[in-house]
C-alpha cells in the first residue's frame, strides 16, 4: 500500500503541464539550485516515514540542467516491518523544462527495481522495455511537477478538471485532477494559504471515493507542496512539509 501511495503522490505532482507551450524557453521564478524540501509521513499519531524533494543544477553533456530527485524512506517500526528506500530522479533541461532522462530506483523489503528512460521528441527509450512511440512533450512525473511550478498556477478556476498523460512504468498513464480553490491551513512550518487539489482516484481496495486524495500547494511564487492527505479505507495518512532550505522566494505566512 505504501508503494501505491508514494506513486500516487508523484503522479499527482505531474499533472499541471497539460496545456502548456513547451517548445520554448520558459521563465523560472519558483525554484533554484540547492532547494531542499523534507516531509514527514504519519498515519494517525504513528510516524512511518520521511520523503524529500531536491534540486541541483549541474552540467550534462555541455548543457545546463536541473537534476531533481524524490526520495521516500520508512523509519521506526514501519522500517522494521517493511523497509522502503525509493528514489525517483529526473534530468531536466534548465531552459525548456523538458526531461532528458529519468531514473526509478525502487528498494522495498526484498523487492528491487531499476529503470532508466530517455526522452526524445516523439519517443522514449526504456532500458527495461525498449523504445516507445509517444505524443510530443511527454514528461516523467518529476519533470512535469517542476515544470508546473514554473508556469501553470495562474489561470485555474475552481472546479476545473485537468487531464494529462505522463510516461510511467513503461506506459502512458492518464490522470485527472480537480482544482478546489484557495484554502488556508495550519502546518508544521506555519499557517499558510494554499491551492487545494483533488486527484481523481479509483475507488476500491485503498480508497472509498474518487476524492479521497488531497494536496495543498503554497499560493505564492514557490508553489511548494505543503501537505498531502490520503483518506484511506483503514484511516487517514498525511505527508507534511517539516523542513525547507534554498527556496527562491521567502514563504509568506499568515
C-alpha atoms as a PDB file:
ATOM      1  CA  UNK A   1       0.000   0.000   0.000  1.00  0.00           C
ATOM      2  CA  UNK A   2       2.882   2.377   0.822  1.00  0.00           C
ATOM      3  CA  UNK A   3       4.303   1.974  -2.676  1.00  0.00           C
ATOM      4  CA  UNK A   4       0.952   2.795  -4.314  1.00  0.00           C
ATOM      5  CA  UNK A   5       0.532   5.898  -2.159  1.00  0.00           C
ATOM      6  CA  UNK A   6       4.019   7.237  -2.961  1.00  0.00           C
ATOM      7  CA  UNK A   7       3.450   6.577  -6.666  1.00  0.00           C
ATOM      8  CA  UNK A   8       0.070   8.347  -6.472  1.00  0.00           C
ATOM      9  CA  UNK A   9       1.764  11.363  -4.931  1.00  0.00           C
ATOM     10  CA  UNK A  10       4.407  11.557  -7.650  1.00  0.00           C
ATOM     11  CA  UNK A  11       1.850  11.117 -10.413  1.00  0.00           C
ATOM     12  CA  UNK A  12      -0.334  13.836  -8.950  1.00  0.00           C
ATOM     13  CA  UNK A  13       2.555  16.269  -8.807  1.00  0.00           C
ATOM     14  CA  UNK A  14       2.993  15.868 -12.574  1.00  0.00           C
ATOM     15  CA  UNK A  15      -0.490  16.990 -13.530  1.00  0.00           C
ATOM     16  CA  UNK A  16      -0.282  20.661 -14.324  1.00  0.00           C
ATOM     17  CA  UNK A  17       1.789  20.750 -17.503  1.00  0.00           C
ATOM     18  CA  UNK A  18      -1.020  19.642 -19.849  1.00  0.00           C
ATOM     19  CA  UNK A  19      -1.973  22.888 -21.583  1.00  0.00           C
ATOM     20  CA  UNK A  20       1.482  24.485 -21.631  1.00  0.00           C
ATOM     21  CA  UNK A  21       3.525  25.647 -24.591  1.00  0.00           C
ATOM     22  CA  UNK A  22       6.649  23.571 -24.045  1.00  0.00           C
ATOM     23  CA  UNK A  23       8.831  24.153 -27.064  1.00  0.00           C
ATOM     24  CA  UNK A  24      10.377  27.460 -25.967  1.00  0.00           C
ATOM     25  CA  UNK A  25      12.438  28.710 -23.070  1.00  0.00           C
ATOM     26  CA  UNK A  26      10.246  29.413 -20.055  1.00  0.00           C
ATOM     27  CA  UNK A  27      10.915  31.669 -17.058  1.00  0.00           C
ATOM     28  CA  UNK A  28      11.591  30.154 -13.660  1.00  0.00           C
ATOM     29  CA  UNK A  29      10.649  32.190 -10.591  1.00  0.00           C
ATOM     30  CA  UNK A  30       9.737  29.172  -8.423  1.00  0.00           C
ATOM     31  CA  UNK A  31      12.874  27.150  -7.603  1.00  0.00           C
ATOM     32  CA  UNK A  32      16.648  27.219  -7.865  1.00  0.00           C
ATOM     33  CA  UNK A  33      19.812  25.210  -7.353  1.00  0.00           C
ATOM     34  CA  UNK A  34      20.014  23.936  -3.778  1.00  0.00           C
ATOM     35  CA  UNK A  35      16.303  23.767  -2.960  1.00  0.00           C
ATOM     36  CA  UNK A  36      15.547  21.006  -0.449  1.00  0.00           C
ATOM     37  CA  UNK A  37      12.112  20.024   0.908  1.00  0.00           C
ATOM     38  CA  UNK A  38      11.638  17.421   3.644  1.00  0.00           C
ATOM     39  CA  UNK A  39       8.361  15.740   4.612  1.00  0.00           C
ATOM     40  CA  UNK A  40       7.130  13.557   7.445  1.00  0.00           C
ATOM     41  CA  UNK A  41       4.692  10.739   6.699  1.00  0.00           C
ATOM     42  CA  UNK A  42       2.332   9.759   9.506  1.00  0.00           C
ATOM     43  CA  UNK A  43      -0.681   7.503   9.951  1.00  0.00           C
ATOM     44  CA  UNK A  44      -2.635   8.998  12.821  1.00  0.00           C
ATOM     45  CA  UNK A  45      -0.067   9.514  15.593  1.00  0.00           C
ATOM     46  CA  UNK A  46       2.344   6.934  14.142  1.00  0.00           C
ATOM     47  CA  UNK A  47       5.263   8.414  12.176  1.00  0.00           C
ATOM     48  CA  UNK A  48       6.074   5.893   9.460  1.00  0.00           C
ATOM     49  CA  UNK A  49       8.499   7.577   7.103  1.00  0.00           C
ATOM     50  CA  UNK A  50      10.140  10.603   5.542  1.00  0.00           C
ATOM     51  CA  UNK A  51      10.203  11.939   1.999  1.00  0.00           C
ATOM     52  CA  UNK A  52      12.228  14.634   0.268  1.00  0.00           C
ATOM     53  CA  UNK A  53      12.397  16.683  -2.933  1.00  0.00           C
ATOM     54  CA  UNK A  54      15.753  18.146  -4.016  1.00  0.00           C
ATOM     55  CA  UNK A  55      17.115  20.294  -6.851  1.00  0.00           C
ATOM     56  CA  UNK A  56      20.711  20.611  -8.029  1.00  0.00           C
ATOM     57  CA  UNK A  57      21.978  22.484 -11.081  1.00  0.00           C
ATOM     58  CA  UNK A  58      24.644  20.541 -12.994  1.00  0.00           C
ATOM     59  CA  UNK A  59      26.342  20.408 -16.397  1.00  0.00           C
ATOM     60  CA  UNK A  60      25.168  17.469 -18.523  1.00  0.00           C
ATOM     61  CA  UNK A  61      26.838  16.935 -21.893  1.00  0.00           C
ATOM     62  CA  UNK A  62      27.581  20.653 -22.170  1.00  0.00           C
ATOM     63  CA  UNK A  63      24.050  21.734 -21.240  1.00  0.00           C
ATOM     64  CA  UNK A  64      22.848  23.331 -18.021  1.00  0.00           C
ATOM     65  CA  UNK A  65      20.240  21.098 -16.408  1.00  0.00           C
ATOM     66  CA  UNK A  66      18.400  20.617 -13.139  1.00  0.00           C
ATOM     67  CA  UNK A  67      18.994  17.256 -11.505  1.00  0.00           C
ATOM     68  CA  UNK A  68      15.928  16.615  -9.338  1.00  0.00           C
ATOM     69  CA  UNK A  69      15.131  13.697  -7.078  1.00  0.00           C
ATOM     70  CA  UNK A  70      12.314  12.481  -4.848  1.00  0.00           C
ATOM     71  CA  UNK A  71      13.156  10.039  -2.066  1.00  0.00           C
ATOM     72  CA  UNK A  72      10.964   8.024   0.294  1.00  0.00           C
ATOM     73  CA  UNK A  73      12.253   6.203   3.372  1.00  0.00           C
ATOM     74  CA  UNK A  74      10.497   4.169   6.048  1.00  0.00           C
ATOM     75  CA  UNK A  75      11.514   4.745   9.682  1.00  0.00           C
ATOM     76  CA  UNK A  76      10.851   3.325  13.140  1.00  0.00           C
ATOM     77  CA  UNK A  77       8.535   0.340  13.459  1.00  0.00           C
ATOM     78  CA  UNK A  78       7.463   0.666   9.824  1.00  0.00           C
ATOM     79  CA  UNK A  79      11.090   0.235   8.759  1.00  0.00           C
ATOM     80  CA  UNK A  80      11.362  -2.992  10.735  1.00  0.00           C
ATOM     81  CA  UNK A  81       8.160  -4.379   9.234  1.00  0.00           C
ATOM     82  CA  UNK A  82       8.630  -3.228   5.622  1.00  0.00           C
ATOM     83  CA  UNK A  83      11.790  -1.314   4.689  1.00  0.00           C
ATOM     84  CA  UNK A  84      11.407   1.277   1.905  1.00  0.00           C
ATOM     85  CA  UNK A  85      14.251   3.113   0.151  1.00  0.00           C
ATOM     86  CA  UNK A  86      12.804   4.556  -3.076  1.00  0.00           C
ATOM     87  CA  UNK A  87      14.426   7.183  -5.318  1.00  0.00           C
ATOM     88  CA  UNK A  88      12.953   8.865  -8.400  1.00  0.00           C
ATOM     89  CA  UNK A  89      15.270  11.148 -10.407  1.00  0.00           C
ATOM     90  CA  UNK A  90      14.852  13.415 -13.410  1.00  0.00           C
ATOM     91  CA  UNK A  91      17.384  15.330 -15.511  1.00  0.00           C
ATOM     92  CA  UNK A  92      15.592  18.462 -16.774  1.00  0.00           C
ATOM     93  CA  UNK A  93      16.639  20.990 -19.426  1.00  0.00           C
ATOM     94  CA  UNK A  94      17.006  24.218 -17.419  1.00  0.00           C
ATOM     95  CA  UNK A  95      15.721  26.408 -20.275  1.00  0.00           C
ATOM     96  CA  UNK A  96      12.713  24.476 -21.582  1.00  0.00           C
ATOM     97  CA  UNK A  97      11.776  22.403 -18.533  1.00  0.00           C
ATOM     98  CA  UNK A  98      11.672  19.233 -20.650  1.00  0.00           C
ATOM     99  CA  UNK A  99      13.045  15.908 -19.380  1.00  0.00           C
ATOM    100  CA  UNK A 100      16.198  14.403 -20.817  1.00  0.00           C
ATOM    101  CA  UNK A 101      16.408  11.306 -18.656  1.00  0.00           C
ATOM    102  CA  UNK A 102      14.579   9.780 -15.688  1.00  0.00           C
ATOM    103  CA  UNK A 103      15.520   7.029 -13.228  1.00  0.00           C
ATOM    104  CA  UNK A 104      13.431   4.831 -10.908  1.00  0.00           C
ATOM    105  CA  UNK A 105      15.389   3.011  -8.200  1.00  0.00           C
ATOM    106  CA  UNK A 106      12.971   1.016  -6.017  1.00  0.00           C
ATOM    107  CA  UNK A 107      14.065  -0.920  -2.921  1.00  0.00           C
ATOM    108  CA  UNK A 108      11.184  -2.237  -0.840  1.00  0.00           C
ATOM    109  CA  UNK A 109      11.778  -5.167   1.510  1.00  0.00           C
ATOM    110  CA  UNK A 110      13.285  -7.852  -0.780  1.00  0.00           C
ATOM    111  CA  UNK A 111      11.956  -6.257  -3.983  1.00  0.00           C
ATOM    112  CA  UNK A 112      14.343  -4.406  -6.317  1.00  0.00           C
ATOM    113  CA  UNK A 113      13.575  -2.453  -9.495  1.00  0.00           C
ATOM    114  CA  UNK A 114      15.823  -0.141 -11.538  1.00  0.00           C
ATOM    115  CA  UNK A 115      14.998   1.525 -14.851  1.00  0.00           C
ATOM    116  CA  UNK A 116      16.244   4.466 -16.901  1.00  0.00           C
ATOM    117  CA  UNK A 117      14.112   6.256 -19.503  1.00  0.00           C
ATOM    118  CA  UNK A 118      15.499   8.628 -22.153  1.00  0.00           C
ATOM    119  CA  UNK A 119      13.204  11.242 -23.704  1.00  0.00           C
ATOM    120  CA  UNK A 120      13.180  12.350 -27.346  1.00  0.00           C
ATOM    121  CA  UNK A 121      10.769  14.467 -29.390  1.00  0.00           C
ATOM    122  CA  UNK A 122       8.232  11.742 -30.252  1.00  0.00           C
ATOM    123  CA  UNK A 123       9.560   8.659 -28.459  1.00  0.00           C
ATOM    124  CA  UNK A 124      11.082   7.414 -25.229  1.00  0.00           C
ATOM    125  CA  UNK A 125      13.651   4.683 -24.723  1.00  0.00           C
ATOM    126  CA  UNK A 126      13.471   2.472 -21.623  1.00  0.00           C
ATOM    127  CA  UNK A 127      16.347   0.254 -20.521  1.00  0.00           C
ATOM    128  CA  UNK A 128      13.716  -2.275 -19.381  1.00  0.00           C
ATOM    129  CA  UNK A 129      11.310  -2.372 -22.319  1.00  0.00           C
ATOM    130  CA  UNK A 130      12.976  -0.642 -25.256  1.00  0.00           C
ATOM    131  CA  UNK A 131      11.585   2.112 -27.470  1.00  0.00           C
ATOM    132  CA  UNK A 132       8.047   3.525 -27.235  1.00  0.00           C
ATOM    133  CA  UNK A 133       6.282   5.948 -29.569  1.00  0.00           C
ATOM    134  CA  UNK A 134       4.634   8.722 -27.531  1.00  0.00           C
ATOM    135  CA  UNK A 135       2.934  12.075 -28.189  1.00  0.00           C
ATOM    136  CA  UNK A 136       5.215  15.108 -28.271  1.00  0.00           C
ATOM    137  CA  UNK A 137       6.010  16.860 -24.996  1.00  0.00           C
ATOM    138  CA  UNK A 138       5.873  13.695 -22.901  1.00  0.00           C
ATOM    139  CA  UNK A 139       7.124  14.074 -19.319  1.00  0.00           C
ATOM    140  CA  UNK A 140       8.134  11.879 -16.453  1.00  0.00           C
ATOM    141  CA  UNK A 141       6.403  12.641 -13.163  1.00  0.00           C
ATOM    142  CA  UNK A 142       9.151  14.766 -11.613  1.00  0.00           C
ATOM    143  CA  UNK A 143       9.938  16.958 -14.619  1.00  0.00           C
ATOM    144  CA  UNK A 144       6.211  17.619 -15.111  1.00  0.00           C
ATOM    145  CA  UNK A 145       5.884  18.719 -11.489  1.00  0.00           C
ATOM    146  CA  UNK A 146       8.832  21.098 -11.687  1.00  0.00           C
ATOM    147  CA  UNK A 147       7.553  22.485 -14.985  1.00  0.00           C
ATOM    148  CA  UNK A 148       4.191  23.144 -13.353  1.00  0.00           C
ATOM    149  CA  UNK A 149       5.827  25.134 -10.583  1.00  0.00           C
ATOM    150  CA  UNK A 150       7.337  27.436 -13.201  1.00  0.00           C
ATOM    151  CA  UNK A 151       4.352  28.172 -15.387  1.00  0.00           C
ATOM    152  CA  UNK A 152       0.901  26.814 -14.647  1.00  0.00           C
ATOM    153  CA  UNK A 153      -0.707  28.131 -11.475  1.00  0.00           C
ATOM    154  CA  UNK A 154      -2.148  31.464 -12.608  1.00  0.00           C
ATOM    155  CA  UNK A 155      -5.262  30.673 -14.641  1.00  0.00           C
ATOM    156  CA  UNK A 156      -7.054  27.846 -12.846  1.00  0.00           C
ATOM    157  CA  UNK A 157     -10.696  28.304 -11.842  1.00  0.00           C
ATOM    158  CA  UNK A 158     -12.373  26.434  -9.009  1.00  0.00           C
ATOM    159  CA  UNK A 159     -13.907  23.215 -10.326  1.00  0.00           C
ATOM    160  CA  UNK A 160     -11.560  22.906 -13.310  1.00  0.00           C
ATOM    161  CA  UNK A 161     -10.616  19.312 -14.128  1.00  0.00           C
ATOM    162  CA  UNK A 162      -7.294  18.817 -15.879  1.00  0.00           C
ATOM    163  CA  UNK A 163      -6.463  15.614 -17.779  1.00  0.00           C
ATOM    164  CA  UNK A 164      -2.965  14.563 -18.793  1.00  0.00           C
ATOM    165  CA  UNK A 165      -0.784  11.734 -19.991  1.00  0.00           C
ATOM    166  CA  UNK A 166       2.578  11.009 -18.397  1.00  0.00           C
ATOM    167  CA  UNK A 167       5.056   8.195 -19.087  1.00  0.00           C
ATOM    168  CA  UNK A 168       5.276   5.930 -16.038  1.00  0.00           C
ATOM    169  CA  UNK A 169       6.080   2.246 -15.541  1.00  0.00           C
ATOM    170  CA  UNK A 170       6.782   1.921 -19.285  1.00  0.00           C
ATOM    171  CA  UNK A 171       3.329   3.118 -20.290  1.00  0.00           C
ATOM    172  CA  UNK A 172       1.343   6.307 -20.899  1.00  0.00           C
ATOM    173  CA  UNK A 173      -0.568   6.939 -17.686  1.00  0.00           C
ATOM    174  CA  UNK A 174      -3.757   9.088 -17.780  1.00  0.00           C
ATOM    175  CA  UNK A 175      -4.638  11.302 -14.801  1.00  0.00           C
ATOM    176  CA  UNK A 176      -7.422  13.704 -13.869  1.00  0.00           C
ATOM    177  CA  UNK A 177      -7.105  16.449 -11.246  1.00  0.00           C
ATOM    178  CA  UNK A 178      -9.811  18.742  -9.857  1.00  0.00           C
ATOM    179  CA  UNK A 179      -8.914  22.242  -8.600  1.00  0.00           C
ATOM    180  CA  UNK A 180     -10.790  23.074  -5.374  1.00  0.00           C
ATOM    181  CA  UNK A 181      -9.771  26.705  -4.781  1.00  0.00           C
ATOM    182  CA  UNK A 182      -7.712  28.528  -2.149  1.00  0.00           C
ATOM    183  CA  UNK A 183      -7.619  27.249   1.440  1.00  0.00           C
ATOM    184  CA  UNK A 184      -5.635  28.367   4.470  1.00  0.00           C
ATOM    185  CA  UNK A 185      -4.108  25.554   6.523  1.00  0.00           C
ATOM    186  CA  UNK A 186      -2.045  25.104   9.677  1.00  0.00           C
ATOM    187  CA  UNK A 187       1.113  23.087   9.010  1.00  0.00           C
ATOM    188  CA  UNK A 188       4.319  22.227  10.907  1.00  0.00           C
ATOM    189  CA  UNK A 189       6.067  25.105   9.090  1.00  0.00           C
ATOM    190  CA  UNK A 190       3.319  27.670   9.775  1.00  0.00           C
ATOM    191  CA  UNK A 191      -0.117  28.930   8.776  1.00  0.00           C
ATOM    192  CA  UNK A 192      -0.197  29.423   5.017  1.00  0.00           C
ATOM    193  CA  UNK A 193      -2.622  29.985   2.135  1.00  0.00           C
ATOM    194  CA  UNK A 194      -2.627  27.121  -0.355  1.00  0.00           C
ATOM    195  CA  UNK A 195      -4.101  25.991  -3.646  1.00  0.00           C
ATOM    196  CA  UNK A 196      -6.093  22.825  -2.970  1.00  0.00           C
ATOM    197  CA  UNK A 197      -6.447  19.936  -5.429  1.00  0.00           C
ATOM    198  CA  UNK A 198      -8.194  16.558  -5.549  1.00  0.00           C
ATOM    199  CA  UNK A 199      -6.592  13.965  -7.828  1.00  0.00           C
ATOM    200  CA  UNK A 200      -9.421  11.720  -9.025  1.00  0.00           C
ATOM    201  CA  UNK A 201      -8.527   8.258  -7.718  1.00  0.00           C
ATOM    202  CA  UNK A 202     -10.133   4.889  -8.361  1.00  0.00           C
ATOM    203  CA  UNK A 203     -12.362   3.656  -5.508  1.00  0.00           C
ATOM    204  CA  UNK A 204     -11.675   0.094  -4.429  1.00  0.00           C
ATOM    205  CA  UNK A 205      -9.234  -1.660  -2.138  1.00  0.00           C
ATOM    206  CA  UNK A 206      -7.467   1.527  -0.934  1.00  0.00           C
ATOM    207  CA  UNK A 207      -9.894   4.436  -1.462  1.00  0.00           C
ATOM    208  CA  UNK A 208     -13.620   4.755  -0.693  1.00  0.00           C
ATOM    209  CA  UNK A 209     -14.337   7.542  -3.210  1.00  0.00           C
ATOM    210  CA  UNK A 210     -12.682   9.328  -6.122  1.00  0.00           C
ATOM    211  CA  UNK A 211     -11.920  12.426  -3.982  1.00  0.00           C
ATOM    212  CA  UNK A 212     -10.007  10.644  -1.202  1.00  0.00           C
ATOM    213  CA  UNK A 213      -6.622  12.147  -2.092  1.00  0.00           C
ATOM    214  CA  UNK A 214      -5.950  15.839  -1.394  1.00  0.00           C
ATOM    215  CA  UNK A 215      -2.952  18.113  -1.786  1.00  0.00           C
ATOM    216  CA  UNK A 216      -2.238  21.689  -0.719  1.00  0.00           C
ATOM    217  CA  UNK A 217       0.363  23.752  -2.619  1.00  0.00           C
ATOM    218  CA  UNK A 218       1.600  27.135  -1.369  1.00  0.00           C
ATOM    219  CA  UNK A 219      -0.240  30.005  -3.055  1.00  0.00           C
ATOM    220  CA  UNK A 220       2.905  32.019  -3.778  1.00  0.00           C
ATOM    221  CA  UNK A 221       5.744  32.088  -6.304  1.00  0.00           C
ATOM    222  CA  UNK A 222       7.357  28.957  -4.837  1.00  0.00           C
ATOM    223  CA  UNK A 223       4.360  26.622  -5.378  1.00  0.00           C
ATOM    224  CA  UNK A 224       5.687  24.164  -2.801  1.00  0.00           C
ATOM    225  CA  UNK A 225       3.632  21.124  -1.711  1.00  0.00           C
ATOM    226  CA  UNK A 226       2.729  21.784   1.936  1.00  0.00           C
ATOM    227  CA  UNK A 227       0.536  18.764   2.712  1.00  0.00           C
ATOM    228  CA  UNK A 228      -0.751  15.613   1.043  1.00  0.00           C
ATOM    229  CA  UNK A 229      -3.588  13.641   2.628  1.00  0.00           C
ATOM    230  CA  UNK A 230      -4.912  10.190   1.762  1.00  0.00           C
ATOM    231  CA  UNK A 231      -8.327   9.313   3.218  1.00  0.00           C
ATOM    232  CA  UNK A 232      -7.965   5.541   3.133  1.00  0.00           C
ATOM    233  CA  UNK A 233     -10.479   2.843   3.960  1.00  0.00           C
ATOM    234  CA  UNK A 234      -8.381   1.995   7.038  1.00  0.00           C
ATOM    235  CA  UNK A 235      -7.766   5.604   8.165  1.00  0.00           C
ATOM    236  CA  UNK A 236      -6.068   8.863   7.175  1.00  0.00           C
ATOM    237  CA  UNK A 237      -2.428   9.164   6.092  1.00  0.00           C
ATOM    238  CA  UNK A 238      -0.713  12.570   5.881  1.00  0.00           C
ATOM    239  CA  UNK A 239       2.532  13.811   4.418  1.00  0.00           C
ATOM    240  CA  UNK A 240       3.530  17.229   5.869  1.00  0.00           C
ATOM    241  CA  UNK A 241       6.340  19.605   4.956  1.00  0.00           C
ATOM    242  CA  UNK A 242       8.584  19.870   8.035  1.00  0.00           C
ATOM    243  CA  UNK A 243      11.797  21.464   6.694  1.00  0.00           C
ATOM    244  CA  UNK A 244      12.752  23.636   3.740  1.00  0.00           C
ATOM    245  CA  UNK A 245      16.013  25.164   2.533  1.00  0.00           C
ATOM    246  CA  UNK A 246      17.175  27.083  -0.515  1.00  0.00           C
ATOM    247  CA  UNK A 247      13.797  28.483  -1.593  1.00  0.00           C
ATOM    248  CA  UNK A 248      13.915  31.007  -4.410  1.00  0.00           C
ATOM    249  CA  UNK A 249      11.349  33.200  -2.623  1.00  0.00           C
ATOM    250  CA  UNK A 250      10.557  33.629   1.070  1.00  0.00           C
ATOM    251  CA  UNK A 251       7.406  31.937   2.368  1.00  0.00           C
ATOM    252  CA  UNK A 252       4.573  34.306   3.295  1.00  0.00           C
ATOM    253  CA  UNK A 253       2.922  33.066   6.483  1.00  0.00           C
ATOM    254  CA  UNK A 254      -0.332  34.423   7.933  1.00  0.00           C
END
